[in-house]
Amino acid sequence: MFRRWEANSSASFKRRLGKSALELGMTDNNPTCPDLWELDNGDIAVIGRDLTAEYASRLPVDVSIGTDERLVVLPRQMLIAAKDDIPNE
């Protein structure tokens, strides 16, 4: 299948965007914390709860999830904390 964009699994973690879950007071240093990272190729890696099955029947009409994709949810506070680290272009 041809796609205009494909994830590059060889990209490395470059820097955290925003603050860690520990810094935001969302964990007690549990290793299963949400996180947001920029990769060295500029793509973004999101670590969050996989809620694909829970949202599958409620997706907006113009949204689809590929068989190799997952709908991931992370805390709003985490994205807000990352806002200054996300480039405009």
Protein backbone atom coordinates (compact mmCIF):
# COMPACT_ATOMS: atom_id res chain seq x y z
CA MET A 1 0.00 0.00 0.00
CA PHE A 2 1.40 3.42 -1.00
CA ARG A 3 1.13 6.20 1.56
CA ARG A 4 2.24 9.80 1.22
CA TRP A 5 3.70 9.57 4.73
CA GLU A 6 5.10 6.55 6.48
CA ALA A 7 6.46 6.31 10.00
CA ASN A 8 10.21 5.77 10.13
CA SER A 9 10.86 3.16 12.80
CA SER A 10 14.60 3.86 12.73
CA ALA A 11 14.15 7.46 13.97
CA SER A 12 15.53 8.09 17.46
CA PHE A 13 14.11 10.03 20.37
CA LYS A 14 15.46 13.59 20.23
CA ARG A 15 13.73 15.51 23.02
CA ARG A 16 10.70 15.47 25.26
CA LEU A 17 8.02 18.00 24.37
CA GLY A 18 6.77 19.74 27.47
CA LYS A 19 7.12 18.11 30.86
CA SER A 20 7.16 14.54 32.03
CA ALA A 21 4.15 13.02 33.74
CA LEU A 22 6.15 13.08 36.97
CA GLU A 23 6.84 16.83 36.62
CA LEU A 24 3.13 17.42 35.98
CA GLY A 25 2.13 15.45 39.09
CA MET A 26 0.31 12.78 37.07
CA THR A 27 2.28 9.80 38.36
CA ASP A 28 4.23 8.48 41.27
CA ASN A 29 7.13 7.46 39.00
CA ASN A 30 5.15 4.60 37.47
CA PRO A 31 6.80 3.35 34.26
CA THR A 32 3.46 3.37 32.39
CA CYS A 33 3.17 7.14 32.03
CA PRO A 34 1.96 9.15 29.04
CA ASP A 35 4.65 11.12 27.19
CA LEU A 36 5.24 13.26 24.10
CA TRP A 37 8.53 13.22 22.17
CA GLU A 38 10.04 14.75 19.06
CA LEU A 39 12.02 12.25 17.00
CA ASP A 40 15.28 13.10 15.25
CA ASN A 41 13.47 13.23 11.89
CA GLY A 42 10.94 15.80 13.22
CA ASP A 43 8.04 13.37 13.65
CA ILE A 44 6.24 13.16 17.00
CA ALA A 45 5.92 10.05 19.18
CA VAL A 46 2.93 9.89 21.54
CA ILE A 47 2.76 7.49 24.46
CA GLY A 48 -0.73 7.28 25.87
CA ARG A 49 -3.67 5.01 26.51
CA ASP A 50 -4.77 2.92 23.55
CA LEU A 51 -8.51 3.60 23.31
CA THR A 52 -8.93 2.47 19.70
CA ALA A 53 -11.62 -0.09 20.50
CA GLU A 54 -13.52 2.27 22.78
CA TYR A 55 -13.72 5.03 20.14
CA ALA A 56 -14.01 2.91 16.97
CA SER A 57 -17.80 3.07 16.78
CA ARG A 58 -17.91 6.81 17.59
CA LEU A 59 -15.43 8.23 15.09
CA PRO A 60 -16.45 11.34 13.12
CA VAL A 61 -17.49 10.59 9.53
CA ASP A 62 -14.20 11.80 8.04
CA VAL A 63 -11.95 9.88 10.49
CA SER A 64 -10.64 6.36 10.06
CA ILE A 65 -8.09 4.24 11.88
CA GLY A 66 -5.93 1.96 9.77
CA THR A 67 -5.30 -1.62 10.82
CA ASP A 68 -1.75 -0.63 11.79
CA GLU A 69 -2.85 2.54 13.65
CA ARG A 70 -4.15 3.20 17.15
CA LEU A 71 -6.15 6.03 18.67
CA VAL A 72 -4.07 7.19 21.62
CA VAL A 73 -5.28 9.52 24.36
CA LEU A 74 -3.00 11.61 26.53
CA PRO A 75 -3.83 14.15 29.23
CA ARG A 76 -4.76 17.67 28.09
CA GLN A 77 -2.34 19.12 30.65
CA MET A 78 0.54 17.29 28.94
CA LEU A 79 -0.20 18.80 25.52
CA ILE A 80 -0.64 22.29 26.99
CA ALA A 81 2.74 21.94 28.73
CA ALA A 82 4.31 21.01 25.36
CA LYS A 83 2.86 23.96 23.45
CA ASP A 84 6.00 26.12 23.66
CA ASP A 85 8.15 23.20 22.41
CA ILE A 86 6.06 22.56 19.29
CA PRO A 87 7.29 24.50 16.23
CA ASN A 88 4.86 26.57 14.18
CA GLU A 89 6.16 25.10 10.92
